[in-house]
N, C-alpha and C. Protein backbone atom coordinates (compact mmCIF):
# COMPACT_ATOMS: atom_id res chain seq x y z
N MET A 1 113.10 142.34 91.93
CA MET A 1 114.09 141.59 91.04
C MET A 1 113.64 140.16 91.01
N ILE A 2 113.65 139.63 89.82
CA ILE A 2 113.32 138.19 89.71
C ILE A 2 114.50 137.33 90.21
N ARG A 3 114.13 136.25 90.86
CA ARG A 3 115.13 135.31 91.29
C ARG A 3 114.50 133.91 91.22
N VAL A 4 115.44 132.94 91.18
CA VAL A 4 115.00 131.50 91.14
C VAL A 4 114.73 131.10 92.59
N ASN A 5 113.49 130.49 92.91
CA ASN A 5 113.26 129.97 94.21
C ASN A 5 112.94 128.50 94.11
N LEU A 6 112.57 127.95 92.91
CA LEU A 6 112.22 126.61 92.82
C LEU A 6 112.60 126.11 91.38
N THR A 7 113.20 124.96 91.33
CA THR A 7 113.38 124.23 90.08
C THR A 7 113.00 122.84 90.24
N SER A 8 112.91 122.07 89.23
CA SER A 8 112.46 120.67 89.34
C SER A 8 113.24 119.73 88.50
N VAL A 9 113.13 118.49 88.93
CA VAL A 9 113.68 117.42 88.16
C VAL A 9 112.60 116.36 88.08
N PHE A 10 112.35 115.84 86.88
CA PHE A 10 111.34 114.80 86.73
C PHE A 10 111.87 113.46 87.26
N VAL A 11 111.07 112.72 88.07
CA VAL A 11 111.52 111.47 88.70
C VAL A 11 110.46 110.38 88.46
N ASP A 12 110.87 109.17 88.29
CA ASP A 12 109.95 108.04 88.02
C ASP A 12 109.32 107.49 89.27
N ASP A 13 109.93 107.82 90.46
CA ASP A 13 109.47 107.28 91.80
C ASP A 13 109.85 108.31 92.82
N GLN A 14 108.84 109.04 93.36
CA GLN A 14 109.26 110.07 94.38
C GLN A 14 109.85 109.53 95.66
N ALA A 15 109.41 108.32 96.12
CA ALA A 15 110.10 107.81 97.32
C ALA A 15 111.51 107.41 97.03
N LYS A 16 111.77 106.79 95.94
CA LYS A 16 113.11 106.38 95.60
C LYS A 16 113.95 107.69 95.39
N ALA A 17 113.39 108.65 94.75
CA ALA A 17 114.10 109.93 94.49
C ALA A 17 114.47 110.61 95.87
N LEU A 18 113.52 110.67 96.75
CA LEU A 18 113.79 111.32 98.03
C LEU A 18 114.88 110.63 98.73
N ALA A 19 114.83 109.28 98.75
CA ALA A 19 115.97 108.52 99.39
C ALA A 19 117.30 108.85 98.65
N PHE A 20 117.37 108.87 97.41
CA PHE A 20 118.66 109.09 96.66
C PHE A 20 119.04 110.43 96.95
N TYR A 21 118.29 111.47 96.80
CA TYR A 21 118.66 112.89 96.94
C TYR A 21 119.10 113.29 98.29
N THR A 22 118.49 112.56 99.34
CA THR A 22 118.80 112.88 100.75
C THR A 22 119.96 111.93 101.22
N GLU A 23 119.86 110.66 101.05
CA GLU A 23 120.83 109.75 101.54
C GLU A 23 122.11 109.68 100.81
N LYS A 24 122.09 109.93 99.55
CA LYS A 24 123.34 109.83 98.72
C LYS A 24 123.85 111.27 98.44
N LEU A 25 123.05 112.17 98.00
CA LEU A 25 123.50 113.42 97.66
C LEU A 25 123.62 114.43 98.76
N GLY A 26 122.85 114.19 99.84
CA GLY A 26 123.00 115.02 101.12
C GLY A 26 121.96 116.18 101.17
N PHE A 27 121.03 116.24 100.29
CA PHE A 27 119.95 117.28 100.36
C PHE A 27 119.14 117.00 101.61
N GLN A 28 118.35 117.95 102.06
CA GLN A 28 117.38 117.88 103.09
C GLN A 28 115.98 118.01 102.60
N LYS A 29 115.07 117.24 103.16
CA LYS A 29 113.63 117.40 102.71
C LYS A 29 113.13 118.69 103.33
N LYS A 30 112.46 119.44 102.44
CA LYS A 30 111.92 120.82 102.82
C LYS A 30 110.33 120.71 102.89
N HIS A 31 109.70 120.26 101.88
CA HIS A 31 108.26 120.13 101.84
C HIS A 31 107.87 118.75 101.42
N ASP A 32 106.81 118.19 101.98
CA ASP A 32 106.26 116.95 101.58
C ASP A 32 104.78 116.99 101.83
N VAL A 33 104.02 117.40 100.76
CA VAL A 33 102.68 117.65 100.89
C VAL A 33 101.84 116.73 99.94
N PRO A 34 100.97 115.91 100.42
CA PRO A 34 100.13 115.02 99.48
C PRO A 34 99.28 115.89 98.50
N THR A 35 99.34 115.45 97.25
CA THR A 35 98.56 116.15 96.28
C THR A 35 97.79 115.15 95.40
N GLY A 36 97.09 114.32 96.01
CA GLY A 36 96.39 113.24 95.32
C GLY A 36 97.27 112.02 95.10
N ASP A 37 97.59 111.62 93.85
CA ASP A 37 98.45 110.41 93.58
C ASP A 37 99.93 110.83 93.81
N ALA A 38 100.26 112.03 93.92
CA ALA A 38 101.68 112.39 94.06
C ALA A 38 101.86 113.34 95.33
N ARG A 39 103.04 113.91 95.44
CA ARG A 39 103.35 114.78 96.44
C ARG A 39 104.09 116.01 95.99
N TRP A 40 103.87 117.09 96.69
CA TRP A 40 104.66 118.28 96.46
C TRP A 40 105.88 118.14 97.39
N LEU A 41 106.96 117.57 96.73
CA LEU A 41 108.07 117.07 97.52
C LEU A 41 109.28 117.87 97.10
N THR A 42 109.87 118.64 97.97
CA THR A 42 111.07 119.37 97.64
C THR A 42 112.22 119.03 98.66
N VAL A 43 113.42 119.36 98.12
CA VAL A 43 114.64 119.18 98.88
C VAL A 43 115.40 120.47 98.75
N VAL A 44 116.25 120.72 99.70
CA VAL A 44 117.19 121.86 99.64
C VAL A 44 118.54 121.44 100.07
N SER A 45 119.55 122.33 99.78
CA SER A 45 120.93 122.03 100.24
C SER A 45 120.97 122.42 101.74
N PRO A 46 121.61 121.57 102.53
CA PRO A 46 121.79 121.98 103.95
C PRO A 46 122.65 123.19 104.06
N ALA A 47 123.44 123.58 103.13
CA ALA A 47 124.18 124.79 103.22
C ALA A 47 123.37 126.06 102.95
N ASP A 48 122.11 125.86 102.45
CA ASP A 48 121.26 126.99 102.18
C ASP A 48 119.80 126.53 102.29
N PRO A 49 119.33 126.20 103.56
CA PRO A 49 118.02 125.58 103.75
C PRO A 49 116.87 126.58 103.40
N ASP A 50 117.11 127.81 103.31
CA ASP A 50 116.09 128.76 102.84
C ASP A 50 116.31 129.18 101.37
N GLY A 51 117.18 128.54 100.69
CA GLY A 51 117.46 128.83 99.33
C GLY A 51 116.64 128.16 98.33
N VAL A 52 117.19 127.90 97.12
CA VAL A 52 116.45 127.34 95.97
C VAL A 52 116.02 125.87 96.36
N GLU A 53 114.72 125.56 96.18
CA GLU A 53 114.15 124.32 96.40
C GLU A 53 114.20 123.43 95.11
N LEU A 54 114.48 122.14 95.27
CA LEU A 54 114.41 121.26 94.09
C LEU A 54 113.17 120.37 94.23
N LEU A 55 112.24 120.57 93.31
CA LEU A 55 110.97 119.72 93.38
C LEU A 55 111.25 118.43 92.73
N LEU A 56 111.02 117.34 93.39
CA LEU A 56 111.11 115.96 92.90
C LEU A 56 109.76 115.70 92.19
N GLU A 57 109.60 116.04 90.94
CA GLU A 57 108.35 116.07 90.29
C GLU A 57 108.12 114.75 89.53
N PRO A 58 106.90 114.20 89.73
CA PRO A 58 106.59 112.95 89.09
C PRO A 58 106.57 113.09 87.53
N ASP A 59 107.18 112.16 86.88
CA ASP A 59 107.19 112.20 85.40
C ASP A 59 105.99 111.63 84.69
N GLY A 60 104.84 111.80 85.23
CA GLY A 60 103.67 111.15 84.68
C GLY A 60 103.12 111.86 83.45
N HIS A 61 103.53 113.00 83.19
CA HIS A 61 103.03 113.66 81.90
C HIS A 61 103.52 112.91 80.71
N PRO A 62 102.72 112.63 79.65
CA PRO A 62 103.15 111.82 78.53
C PRO A 62 104.42 112.30 77.89
N ALA A 63 104.68 113.62 77.96
CA ALA A 63 105.95 114.11 77.30
C ALA A 63 107.24 113.93 78.12
N ALA A 64 107.09 113.73 79.47
CA ALA A 64 108.20 113.74 80.34
C ALA A 64 109.09 112.54 80.12
N LYS A 65 108.54 111.29 80.03
CA LYS A 65 109.42 110.15 79.92
C LYS A 65 110.16 110.09 78.58
N PRO A 66 109.54 110.36 77.45
CA PRO A 66 110.30 110.36 76.24
C PRO A 66 111.44 111.45 76.21
N PHE A 67 111.13 112.58 76.82
CA PHE A 67 112.06 113.66 76.93
C PHE A 67 113.27 113.20 77.75
N LYS A 68 113.03 112.63 78.95
CA LYS A 68 114.11 112.11 79.82
C LYS A 68 114.93 111.06 79.05
N GLU A 69 114.25 110.11 78.47
CA GLU A 69 114.97 109.04 77.75
C GLU A 69 115.84 109.57 76.63
N ALA A 70 115.36 110.60 75.94
CA ALA A 70 116.20 111.08 74.82
C ALA A 70 117.42 111.80 75.35
N LEU A 71 117.27 112.53 76.48
CA LEU A 71 118.47 113.14 77.03
C LEU A 71 119.48 112.04 77.46
N VAL A 72 118.98 111.02 78.19
CA VAL A 72 119.94 109.97 78.58
C VAL A 72 120.58 109.27 77.44
N VAL A 73 119.89 108.94 76.37
CA VAL A 73 120.46 108.33 75.28
C VAL A 73 121.53 109.20 74.64
N ASP A 74 121.36 110.47 74.56
CA ASP A 74 122.31 111.39 74.06
C ASP A 74 123.42 111.81 75.14
N GLY A 75 123.31 111.32 76.30
CA GLY A 75 124.26 111.64 77.31
C GLY A 75 124.15 113.05 77.90
N ILE A 76 122.99 113.67 77.75
CA ILE A 76 122.86 115.08 78.20
C ILE A 76 122.30 115.14 79.62
N PRO A 77 122.98 115.78 80.57
CA PRO A 77 122.46 115.96 81.95
C PRO A 77 121.24 116.79 81.86
N PHE A 78 120.28 116.46 82.77
CA PHE A 78 119.05 117.22 82.84
C PHE A 78 119.25 118.53 83.59
N THR A 79 120.13 118.56 84.55
CA THR A 79 120.43 119.67 85.35
C THR A 79 121.87 119.59 85.91
N GLN A 80 122.23 120.67 86.61
CA GLN A 80 123.64 120.73 87.14
C GLN A 80 123.65 121.16 88.51
N PHE A 81 124.48 120.61 89.40
CA PHE A 81 124.68 120.93 90.79
C PHE A 81 126.06 121.47 90.88
N ALA A 82 126.24 122.51 91.71
CA ALA A 82 127.57 123.06 92.01
C ALA A 82 128.17 122.38 93.24
N VAL A 83 129.42 122.12 93.21
CA VAL A 83 130.12 121.54 94.35
C VAL A 83 131.44 122.25 94.46
N ASP A 84 132.06 122.14 95.68
CA ASP A 84 133.33 122.90 95.89
C ASP A 84 134.48 122.18 95.19
N ASP A 85 134.40 120.78 95.06
CA ASP A 85 135.56 120.00 94.52
C ASP A 85 134.91 118.81 93.83
N VAL A 86 134.79 118.84 92.54
CA VAL A 86 134.15 117.73 91.84
C VAL A 86 134.97 116.37 92.08
N PHE A 87 136.23 116.51 92.07
CA PHE A 87 137.01 115.25 92.26
C PHE A 87 136.70 114.58 93.55
N ALA A 88 136.59 115.38 94.59
CA ALA A 88 136.32 114.88 95.98
C ALA A 88 134.95 114.37 96.10
N GLU A 89 134.01 115.07 95.40
CA GLU A 89 132.59 114.65 95.45
C GLU A 89 132.33 113.41 94.70
N VAL A 90 133.04 113.27 93.59
CA VAL A 90 132.89 111.96 92.80
C VAL A 90 133.42 110.80 93.72
N GLU A 91 134.43 110.92 94.36
CA GLU A 91 134.91 109.80 95.15
C GLU A 91 133.97 109.57 96.27
N ARG A 92 133.43 110.58 96.93
CA ARG A 92 132.48 110.37 98.10
C ARG A 92 131.27 109.64 97.51
N LEU A 93 130.76 110.12 96.46
CA LEU A 93 129.46 109.51 95.91
C LEU A 93 129.72 108.07 95.35
N LYS A 94 130.86 107.89 94.77
CA LYS A 94 131.20 106.47 94.33
C LYS A 94 131.25 105.53 95.52
N GLY A 95 131.75 106.07 96.65
CA GLY A 95 131.77 105.20 97.87
C GLY A 95 130.41 104.89 98.35
N LEU A 96 129.41 105.75 98.02
CA LEU A 96 128.02 105.43 98.35
C LEU A 96 127.28 104.64 97.31
N GLY A 97 127.92 104.24 96.27
CA GLY A 97 127.34 103.43 95.19
C GLY A 97 126.74 104.19 94.06
N VAL A 98 126.96 105.51 93.94
CA VAL A 98 126.42 106.31 92.88
C VAL A 98 127.20 105.94 91.57
N GLU A 99 126.53 105.76 90.53
CA GLU A 99 127.12 105.37 89.24
C GLU A 99 127.28 106.65 88.32
N PHE A 100 128.52 106.74 87.82
CA PHE A 100 128.91 107.94 87.00
C PHE A 100 129.00 107.49 85.55
N THR A 101 128.41 108.31 84.65
CA THR A 101 128.60 108.09 83.24
C THR A 101 129.78 108.94 82.68
N GLN A 102 130.25 109.84 83.51
CA GLN A 102 131.42 110.66 83.14
C GLN A 102 132.16 110.90 84.47
N ASP A 103 133.29 110.41 84.57
CA ASP A 103 134.14 110.72 85.81
C ASP A 103 134.51 112.26 85.71
N ALA A 104 135.14 112.73 86.78
CA ALA A 104 135.52 114.13 86.87
C ALA A 104 136.51 114.41 85.67
N VAL A 105 136.22 115.47 84.96
CA VAL A 105 137.07 115.92 83.86
C VAL A 105 137.38 117.31 84.04
N ASP A 106 138.69 117.74 83.95
CA ASP A 106 139.07 119.14 83.97
C ASP A 106 138.95 119.66 82.58
N MET A 107 138.14 120.73 82.33
CA MET A 107 137.79 121.26 81.07
C MET A 107 138.28 122.67 81.01
N GLY A 108 139.35 123.00 81.69
CA GLY A 108 139.84 124.39 81.69
C GLY A 108 139.21 125.21 82.76
N PRO A 109 138.18 125.99 82.37
CA PRO A 109 137.59 126.92 83.41
C PRO A 109 136.61 126.16 84.34
N VAL A 110 136.29 124.95 84.03
CA VAL A 110 135.36 124.17 84.87
C VAL A 110 135.74 122.73 84.93
N VAL A 111 135.42 122.07 86.08
CA VAL A 111 135.58 120.54 86.23
C VAL A 111 134.19 120.04 86.29
N THR A 112 133.91 118.93 85.52
CA THR A 112 132.57 118.42 85.57
C THR A 112 132.66 116.83 85.69
N ALA A 113 131.53 116.32 86.11
CA ALA A 113 131.31 114.90 86.16
C ALA A 113 129.72 114.72 86.06
N VAL A 114 129.36 113.52 85.55
CA VAL A 114 127.94 113.18 85.27
C VAL A 114 127.63 111.85 85.97
N PHE A 115 126.53 111.89 86.71
CA PHE A 115 126.01 110.63 87.32
C PHE A 115 124.58 110.40 87.01
N ASP A 116 124.18 109.09 87.23
CA ASP A 116 122.74 108.63 87.09
C ASP A 116 122.08 108.77 88.43
N ASP A 117 121.00 109.51 88.42
CA ASP A 117 120.27 109.67 89.66
C ASP A 117 119.34 108.55 90.04
N THR A 118 119.33 107.49 89.32
CA THR A 118 118.52 106.28 89.53
C THR A 118 117.04 106.54 89.36
N CYS A 119 116.72 107.74 88.87
CA CYS A 119 115.22 108.07 88.66
C CYS A 119 114.92 108.54 87.22
N GLY A 120 115.87 108.21 86.38
CA GLY A 120 115.72 108.42 84.93
C GLY A 120 116.42 109.73 84.42
N ASN A 121 117.44 110.20 85.25
CA ASN A 121 118.12 111.47 84.82
C ASN A 121 119.58 111.30 84.92
N LEU A 122 120.30 111.98 84.05
CA LEU A 122 121.72 112.23 84.26
C LEU A 122 121.86 113.63 84.91
N ILE A 123 122.72 113.73 85.82
CA ILE A 123 122.89 114.99 86.59
C ILE A 123 124.38 115.36 86.51
N GLN A 124 124.72 116.57 86.19
CA GLN A 124 126.11 117.02 86.08
C GLN A 124 126.49 117.74 87.47
N LEU A 125 127.76 117.45 87.96
CA LEU A 125 128.37 118.25 88.96
C LEU A 125 129.31 119.14 88.36
N ALA A 126 129.51 120.31 88.92
CA ALA A 126 130.50 121.27 88.36
C ALA A 126 131.16 122.13 89.39
N THR A 127 132.39 122.39 89.16
CA THR A 127 133.18 123.30 89.94
C THR A 127 133.84 124.29 89.01
N MET A 128 133.41 125.62 89.17
CA MET A 128 134.01 126.63 88.36
C MET A 128 135.39 126.96 88.98
N LYS A 129 136.45 127.22 88.16
CA LYS A 129 137.71 127.55 88.70
C LYS A 129 137.94 128.99 88.92
């Protein structure tokens, strides 16, 4: 059976991304392997350290930066993370200085919020009801 074991988010600075994703969001570093000018750098949820890895992938490809910029201009999150309680997580992250472009909003079957990951992406938090 096919399953997801890795996904990625393009970042403009891997060191800055690692700090944000671990110190603010609470992910744990899983792999950090030098690959020339960049690193194979992944993080995982501490709730599932053997689960899906998030690759903090350099946005050096010529298509990556314009793609990211277009999504941000249109207010479209690059990806989504699940949390148990969006309202509580927004408050926790705001306390750590994370900037939100959309506060927690109850949309019926789901509650969402959107924040800036400081690496060129908007990221959505979601709780399904």
